[in-house]
Amino acid sequence: MELILVNGRFVTKAVTGVQRYSSELVSRFGDRIRLLAPARSLQGIQGHLWEQVVLPARVGSGFLWSPGNTGPLALSRQAVTIHDAATLDHPEWFSGKFAALYRFLLPKLMRRARRVITVSEFSKQRLIEHGGISPDRVCAIPNGVDARFRPAAPEAVAALRRKLGLAEDYALAVGSLEPRKNLRGLFQAWQIAQPRLGGMELAVAGGSGKIFSNIGFERLPAGIRLLGYVEDADLVALYGGARMFVYPSLYEGFGLPPLEAMSCGTPVLTSNVTSLPEAVGDAALAVNPTDPEAIADGMIRLAEDGALCGELRSKGRQRAGQFTWECSAEATWQALQEAAADS
């Protein structure tokens, strides 16, 4: 069995979905892999230069897995995980330099690597189209949901409410300034739905600063709380205490937050586009994310229909239980071994 070398650039970055994926899988591979990481945090162009110039020399004739969307073009003995094709499908959502870099790099990297791993059938099809590569060189392996995501104890929820100053009754959303997270559409929907939601508050994890001015609002709509970055240790109680989880994203390569919320027993409202139907199945209320009225109607249904919420809680926990990091790691390891043998 060949030792797999891992592009460890992800270890110097803040924890996001890509970093969580990389860490979860690497932790399960143990001594079957060797991590190659920069000596210090390298951001932007410095990180890309390390990856393209320094890393290939450290790999030598070994086989490399790059789990974080990018990898060195100099190496053909490589598998790369590309989580989505958002920069290729919607370059207008990103800065000009970032979009230009990825539109240059990703198609070449896909054609150069021995195997491309991605996280959904939706992403697989988009990458095949953009890369012009054979479908048998692309593997779709779903992400997992960490076992710590489960219904929270009432005392843990109460403690978190006190810590964050949350209302007793709140809906939870996860969003950022990225256009694809659709905070503009969510805020418009909230304004429509709020008169029917009583004293419910909308808590937005990840939104911070003057985010409302950047998405077309002169001021933050009433009843919305921006929590900013929420520590990993607080996520279970935050999910578990919410009346509903609202995730009207325009584009996802997989869509992990809705499954994490489901695993915590929270009813989920999400989008009916890209990879999200593939992830949530029939265990969430799915709506058109470009229609604020549809999002608002969905929130009102979840607020008023107790039977529907009970059904979604049950289905959601069952659905989320189908996605484990152990299964993801096993399938990924098999794909890496096959790619190393082919190369």
Protein backbone atom coordinates (compact mmCIF):
# COMPACT_ATOMS: atom_id res chain seq x y z
CA MET A 1 0.00 0.00 0.00
CA GLU A 2 1.50 3.30 -1.11
CA LEU A 3 1.82 6.09 1.45
CA ILE A 4 -0.39 9.01 0.38
CA LEU A 5 1.07 12.49 0.74
CA VAL A 6 -1.47 15.19 1.60
CA ASN A 7 -1.41 18.84 0.58
CA GLY A 8 -1.71 20.39 4.04
CA ARG A 9 -2.19 23.99 3.08
CA PHE A 10 -5.64 23.79 4.69
CA VAL A 11 -4.17 23.57 8.21
CA THR A 12 -3.12 27.23 8.10
CA LYS A 13 -6.62 28.50 7.31
CA ALA A 14 -9.67 29.33 9.44
CA VAL A 15 -12.19 26.52 9.84
CA THR A 16 -14.76 26.55 7.04
CA GLY A 17 -16.51 23.72 5.22
CA VAL A 18 -13.43 22.82 3.17
CA GLN A 19 -11.15 22.83 6.21
CA ARG A 20 -13.64 20.73 8.17
CA TYR A 21 -13.80 18.17 5.34
CA SER A 22 -10.01 17.97 5.10
CA SER A 23 -9.50 17.63 8.84
CA GLU A 24 -12.23 15.02 9.28
CA LEU A 25 -10.80 12.74 6.59
CA VAL A 26 -7.13 13.23 7.46
CA SER A 27 -7.86 12.36 11.10
CA ARG A 28 -9.29 9.01 9.96
CA PHE A 29 -6.40 8.05 7.68
CA GLY A 30 -3.86 7.89 10.51
CA ASP A 31 -0.37 6.76 9.57
CA ARG A 32 -1.42 5.82 6.05
CA ILE A 33 -0.79 9.43 5.02
CA ARG A 34 1.90 12.07 5.53
CA LEU A 35 0.84 15.70 5.78
CA LEU A 36 2.95 18.27 3.91
CA ALA A 37 2.12 21.75 5.23
CA PRO A 38 3.77 25.19 5.07
CA ALA A 39 5.75 26.18 8.15
CA ARG A 40 3.51 29.20 8.74
CA SER A 41 0.17 30.57 7.60
CA LEU A 42 0.35 31.68 3.98
CA GLN A 43 -2.61 33.58 2.58
CA GLY A 44 -3.49 34.67 -0.93
CA ILE A 45 -0.78 34.59 -3.54
CA GLN A 46 1.84 33.39 -1.04
CA GLY A 47 -0.21 30.28 -0.34
CA HIS A 48 -0.65 29.56 -4.05
CA LEU A 49 3.09 30.05 -4.69
CA TRP A 50 3.94 27.56 -1.93
CA GLU A 51 1.47 25.11 -3.43
CA GLN A 52 2.70 25.50 -7.01
CA VAL A 53 6.48 25.80 -6.39
CA VAL A 54 7.52 24.43 -2.99
CA LEU A 55 5.05 21.56 -2.59
CA PRO A 56 5.94 19.68 -5.82
CA ALA A 57 9.58 19.50 -4.75
CA ARG A 58 8.55 18.01 -1.39
CA VAL A 59 6.31 15.43 -3.07
CA GLY A 60 8.96 14.22 -5.50
CA SER A 61 7.85 10.94 -7.07
CA GLY A 62 5.18 10.30 -4.41
CA PHE A 63 1.41 10.44 -4.87
CA LEU A 64 -0.35 13.57 -3.61
CA TRP A 65 -3.92 14.20 -2.51
CA SER A 66 -4.99 17.86 -2.49
CA PRO A 67 -8.26 18.06 -0.48
CA GLY A 68 -8.88 21.81 -0.62
CA ASN A 69 -9.95 22.72 -4.19
CA THR A 70 -6.50 23.57 -5.54
CA GLY A 71 -3.25 21.71 -6.14
CA PRO A 72 0.07 21.96 -8.00
CA LEU A 73 -0.18 21.87 -11.79
CA ALA A 74 3.32 20.39 -12.00
CA LEU A 75 2.17 17.03 -10.61
CA SER A 76 0.24 14.41 -12.53
CA ARG A 77 0.52 11.79 -9.75
CA GLN A 78 -2.21 13.51 -7.84
CA ALA A 79 -5.86 13.33 -6.82
CA VAL A 80 -7.67 16.56 -6.04
CA THR A 81 -10.92 17.23 -4.22
CA ILE A 82 -12.84 20.11 -5.81
CA HIS A 83 -15.89 20.84 -3.72
CA ASP A 84 -17.92 22.76 -6.26
CA ALA A 85 -17.79 24.59 -9.58
CA ALA A 86 -19.11 27.91 -8.26
CA THR A 87 -16.16 29.96 -9.56
CA LEU A 88 -16.69 28.43 -12.99
CA ASP A 89 -20.49 28.63 -13.04
CA HIS A 90 -20.77 32.08 -11.44
CA PRO A 91 -17.51 34.06 -11.62
CA GLU A 92 -19.55 37.24 -11.04
CA TRP A 93 -20.02 36.21 -7.39
CA PHE A 94 -16.29 36.50 -6.65
CA SER A 95 -13.60 39.14 -6.86
CA GLY A 96 -12.15 39.52 -10.36
CA LYS A 97 -8.68 38.24 -9.40
CA PHE A 98 -10.02 35.24 -7.46
CA ALA A 99 -12.39 34.23 -10.23
CA ALA A 100 -9.70 34.63 -12.90
CA LEU A 101 -7.25 32.48 -10.94
CA TYR A 102 -9.72 29.66 -10.41
CA ARG A 103 -11.03 29.76 -13.97
CA PHE A 104 -7.44 29.39 -15.14
CA LEU A 105 -6.37 26.81 -12.56
CA LEU A 106 -9.28 24.40 -12.05
CA PRO A 107 -9.84 23.13 -15.63
CA LYS A 108 -6.10 22.55 -16.08
CA LEU A 109 -5.83 20.85 -12.70
CA MET A 110 -8.76 18.54 -13.46
CA ARG A 111 -7.20 17.46 -16.74
CA ARG A 112 -3.79 17.01 -15.11
CA ALA A 113 -4.82 15.04 -12.01
CA ARG A 114 -5.35 11.28 -12.11
CA ARG A 115 -8.57 11.51 -10.16
CA VAL A 116 -11.01 14.29 -9.24
CA ILE A 117 -13.07 13.79 -6.09
CA THR A 118 -16.11 15.93 -5.37
CA VAL A 119 -18.95 15.87 -2.87
CA SER A 120 -22.18 15.49 -4.87
CA GLU A 121 -23.50 14.27 -8.19
CA PHE A 122 -24.46 17.86 -8.98
CA SER A 123 -20.86 19.02 -8.55
CA LYS A 124 -19.59 16.02 -10.50
CA GLN A 125 -21.65 16.93 -13.54
CA ARG A 126 -20.64 20.59 -13.40
CA LEU A 127 -16.92 19.73 -13.11
CA ILE A 128 -17.10 17.22 -15.98
CA GLU A 129 -18.63 19.90 -18.17
CA HIS A 130 -16.10 22.58 -17.28
CA GLY A 131 -13.07 20.32 -17.27
CA GLY A 132 -13.90 18.35 -20.38
CA ILE A 133 -12.84 15.14 -18.62
CA SER A 134 -14.12 11.59 -18.69
CA PRO A 135 -16.82 10.81 -16.08
CA ASP A 136 -14.88 7.75 -14.91
CA ARG A 137 -12.12 10.03 -13.61
CA VAL A 138 -14.51 11.86 -11.26
CA CYS A 139 -15.83 10.38 -7.99
CA ALA A 140 -18.79 11.84 -6.11
CA ILE A 141 -18.38 11.05 -2.40
CA PRO A 142 -20.77 12.82 0.02
CA ASN A 143 -19.58 14.62 3.10
CA GLY A 144 -20.40 13.36 6.57
CA VAL A 145 -22.17 14.80 9.59
CA ASP A 146 -20.16 14.73 12.79
CA ALA A 147 -21.66 12.54 15.53
CA ARG A 148 -21.62 15.45 17.98
CA PHE A 149 -24.56 17.00 16.12
CA ARG A 150 -27.55 15.65 18.06
CA PRO A 151 -30.48 17.17 20.00
CA ALA A 152 -29.06 19.49 22.65
CA ALA A 153 -29.86 19.31 26.34
CA PRO A 154 -32.29 22.08 27.45
CA GLU A 155 -29.74 23.45 29.92
CA ALA A 156 -27.13 23.75 27.14
CA VAL A 157 -29.59 25.66 24.97
CA ALA A 158 -30.53 27.96 27.86
CA ALA A 159 -26.87 28.66 28.61
CA LEU A 160 -26.20 29.53 24.98
CA ARG A 161 -29.21 31.85 24.84
CA ARG A 162 -27.83 33.71 27.86
CA LYS A 163 -24.34 33.84 26.36
CA LEU A 164 -25.49 35.26 23.01
CA GLY A 165 -28.48 37.23 24.29
CA LEU A 166 -30.86 35.26 22.08
CA ALA A 167 -34.63 35.43 22.29
CA GLU A 168 -36.53 32.44 23.63
CA ASP A 169 -38.06 31.91 20.18
CA TYR A 170 -35.67 32.20 17.24
CA ALA A 171 -35.12 30.99 13.71
CA LEU A 172 -31.53 30.30 12.72
CA ALA A 173 -29.77 31.04 9.45
CA VAL A 174 -26.16 30.65 8.39
CA GLY A 175 -24.91 33.21 5.93
CA SER A 176 -22.11 35.51 4.89
CA LEU A 177 -21.41 38.24 2.36
CA GLU A 178 -21.05 35.66 -0.40
CA PRO A 179 -23.84 36.36 -2.91
CA ARG A 180 -24.66 32.67 -3.20
CA LYS A 181 -25.68 32.53 0.47
CA ASN A 182 -28.64 34.75 -0.51
CA LEU A 183 -28.92 36.89 2.61
CA ARG A 184 -30.63 39.56 0.54
CA GLY A 185 -33.42 37.15 -0.40
CA LEU A 186 -33.63 35.89 3.19
CA PHE A 187 -33.94 39.40 4.63
CA GLN A 188 -36.64 40.27 2.08
CA ALA A 189 -38.52 37.10 3.03
CA TRP A 190 -38.16 37.89 6.72
CA GLN A 191 -39.77 41.30 6.24
CA ILE A 192 -42.70 39.62 4.49
CA ALA A 193 -43.12 36.84 7.05
CA GLN A 194 -42.42 38.68 10.30
CA PRO A 195 -45.99 39.89 10.97
CA ARG A 196 -47.07 36.21 11.08
CA LEU A 197 -44.16 35.06 13.26
CA GLY A 198 -45.04 36.77 16.53
CA GLY A 199 -41.97 37.68 18.56
CA MET A 200 -39.66 35.28 16.77
CA GLU A 201 -36.12 36.53 16.14
CA LEU A 202 -33.94 35.63 13.14
CA ALA A 203 -30.40 34.84 14.29
CA VAL A 204 -27.79 34.86 11.52
CA ALA A 205 -24.55 33.04 12.28
CA GLY A 206 -21.63 34.15 10.14
CA GLY A 207 -23.05 37.54 9.22
CA SER A 208 -21.10 40.41 10.73
CA GLY A 209 -20.18 44.05 10.35
CA LYS A 210 -22.27 46.23 8.06
CA ILE A 211 -23.41 43.25 6.09
CA PHE A 212 -26.84 44.74 5.47
CA SER A 213 -25.42 47.73 3.58
CA ASN A 214 -23.61 45.39 1.23
CA ILE A 215 -26.76 43.50 0.22
CA GLY A 216 -29.00 46.46 -0.51
CA PHE A 217 -30.47 47.34 2.90
CA GLU A 218 -29.95 50.81 4.38
CA ARG A 219 -30.33 49.31 7.83
CA LEU A 220 -30.78 45.88 9.32
CA PRO A 221 -34.45 44.80 9.20
CA ALA A 222 -36.21 44.59 12.55
CA GLY A 223 -36.02 41.30 14.39
CA ILE A 224 -32.70 40.15 12.89
CA ARG A 225 -29.63 39.49 15.02
CA LEU A 226 -26.19 39.14 13.44
CA LEU A 227 -24.18 36.77 15.61
CA GLY A 228 -20.95 36.95 13.64
CA TYR A 229 -18.62 33.97 13.92
CA VAL A 230 -20.00 31.30 16.25
CA GLU A 231 -17.54 28.95 17.91
CA ASP A 232 -17.70 25.30 16.88
CA ALA A 233 -18.41 24.29 20.47
CA ASP A 234 -21.61 26.36 20.47
CA LEU A 235 -23.10 25.10 17.21
CA VAL A 236 -24.98 22.09 18.60
CA ALA A 237 -26.89 24.17 21.15
CA LEU A 238 -27.44 26.94 18.59
CA TYR A 239 -28.97 24.50 16.09
CA GLY A 240 -30.90 22.64 18.77
CA GLY A 241 -32.50 25.73 20.30
CA ALA A 242 -33.84 27.08 17.00
CA ARG A 243 -37.52 26.72 16.05
CA MET A 244 -36.38 26.30 12.45
CA PHE A 245 -33.22 26.43 10.34
CA VAL A 246 -33.45 28.55 7.18
CA TYR A 247 -30.90 28.06 4.39
CA PRO A 248 -32.09 29.55 1.07
CA SER A 249 -28.69 29.29 -0.64
CA LEU A 250 -28.48 29.88 -4.37
CA TYR A 251 -25.64 27.43 -4.93
CA GLU A 252 -24.01 24.64 -2.91
CA GLY A 253 -21.55 21.92 -3.80
CA PHE A 254 -23.01 19.77 -1.02
CA GLY A 255 -24.86 21.66 1.72
CA LEU A 256 -23.63 20.51 5.13
CA PRO A 257 -25.36 23.03 7.48
CA PRO A 258 -28.91 21.79 6.72
CA LEU A 259 -27.85 18.23 7.55
CA GLU A 260 -26.17 19.37 10.77
CA ALA A 261 -29.38 21.14 11.76
CA MET A 262 -31.43 18.04 10.90
CA SER A 263 -29.13 15.91 13.02
CA CYS A 264 -29.87 18.26 15.94
CA GLY A 265 -33.61 17.72 15.47
CA THR A 266 -34.39 21.13 13.96
CA PRO A 267 -36.88 21.47 11.05
CA VAL A 268 -35.14 22.78 7.93
CA LEU A 269 -36.21 25.13 5.15
CA THR A 270 -33.77 25.14 2.24
CA SER A 271 -33.45 25.59 -1.52
CA ASN A 272 -34.70 23.34 -4.29
CA VAL A 273 -31.65 23.97 -6.50
CA THR A 274 -28.08 22.69 -7.11
CA SER A 275 -26.94 19.97 -4.69
CA LEU A 276 -29.35 20.72 -1.84
CA PRO A 277 -32.22 18.40 -2.92
CA GLU A 278 -29.63 15.64 -3.27
CA ALA A 279 -28.46 16.23 0.31
CA VAL A 280 -31.75 16.70 2.15
CA GLY A 281 -34.05 14.39 0.15
CA ASP A 282 -37.65 14.70 1.35
CA ALA A 283 -36.59 15.56 4.90
CA ALA A 284 -36.70 19.35 4.49
CA LEU A 285 -39.11 21.96 3.16
CA ALA A 286 -37.58 23.03 -0.17
CA VAL A 287 -38.43 26.30 -1.91
CA ASN A 288 -37.30 28.47 -4.82
CA PRO A 289 -34.48 30.60 -3.32
CA THR A 290 -34.98 33.40 -5.86
CA ASP A 291 -38.56 33.97 -4.67
CA PRO A 292 -38.72 35.83 -1.31
CA GLU A 293 -42.46 35.14 -1.12
CA ALA A 294 -41.80 31.39 -1.30
CA ILE A 295 -39.15 31.61 1.43
CA ALA A 296 -41.53 33.64 3.59
CA ASP A 297 -44.37 31.16 3.04
CA GLY A 298 -42.04 28.34 4.07
CA MET A 299 -41.08 30.08 7.30
CA ILE A 300 -44.73 30.74 8.12
CA ARG A 301 -45.60 27.07 7.48
CA LEU A 302 -42.87 25.89 9.84
CA ALA A 303 -43.95 28.42 12.48
CA GLU A 304 -47.63 27.42 12.32
CA ASP A 305 -47.75 23.73 11.35
CA GLY A 306 -46.68 21.62 14.30
CA ALA A 307 -47.42 18.34 12.52
CA LEU A 308 -45.17 19.28 9.61
CA CYS A 309 -42.37 20.23 12.00
CA GLY A 310 -42.71 16.91 13.82
CA GLU A 311 -42.52 15.02 10.53
CA LEU A 312 -39.43 16.96 9.42
CA ARG A 313 -37.69 16.42 12.76
CA SER A 314 -38.14 12.66 12.44
CA LYS A 315 -37.22 12.47 8.76
CA GLY A 316 -34.36 14.90 9.22
CA ARG A 317 -32.57 12.87 11.88
CA GLN A 318 -32.95 9.72 9.80
CA ARG A 319 -31.66 11.47 6.68
CA ALA A 320 -28.67 13.06 8.40
CA GLY A 321 -27.76 9.69 9.90
CA GLN A 322 -27.07 8.37 6.39
CA PHE A 323 -24.07 10.69 6.04
CA THR A 324 -21.03 9.80 8.15
CA TRP A 325 -17.40 10.84 7.95
CA GLU A 326 -16.44 7.19 8.36
CA CYS A 327 -18.22 6.29 5.11
CA SER A 328 -16.77 9.33 3.38
CA ALA A 329 -13.25 8.44 4.55
CA GLU A 330 -13.58 4.80 3.45
CA ALA A 331 -14.78 5.73 -0.04
CA THR A 332 -12.16 8.46 -0.39
CA TRP A 333 -9.36 6.13 0.66
CA GLN A 334 -10.45 3.58 -1.92
CA ALA A 335 -10.49 6.29 -4.62
CA LEU A 336 -7.00 7.45 -3.61
CA GLN A 337 -5.57 3.94 -3.70
CA GLU A 338 -7.06 3.29 -7.13
CA ALA A 339 -5.70 6.60 -8.44
CA ALA A 340 -2.23 5.89 -7.03
CA ALA A 341 -2.24 2.44 -8.67
CA ASP A 342 -3.37 3.91 -12.02
CA SER A 343 -0.67 6.52 -12.02
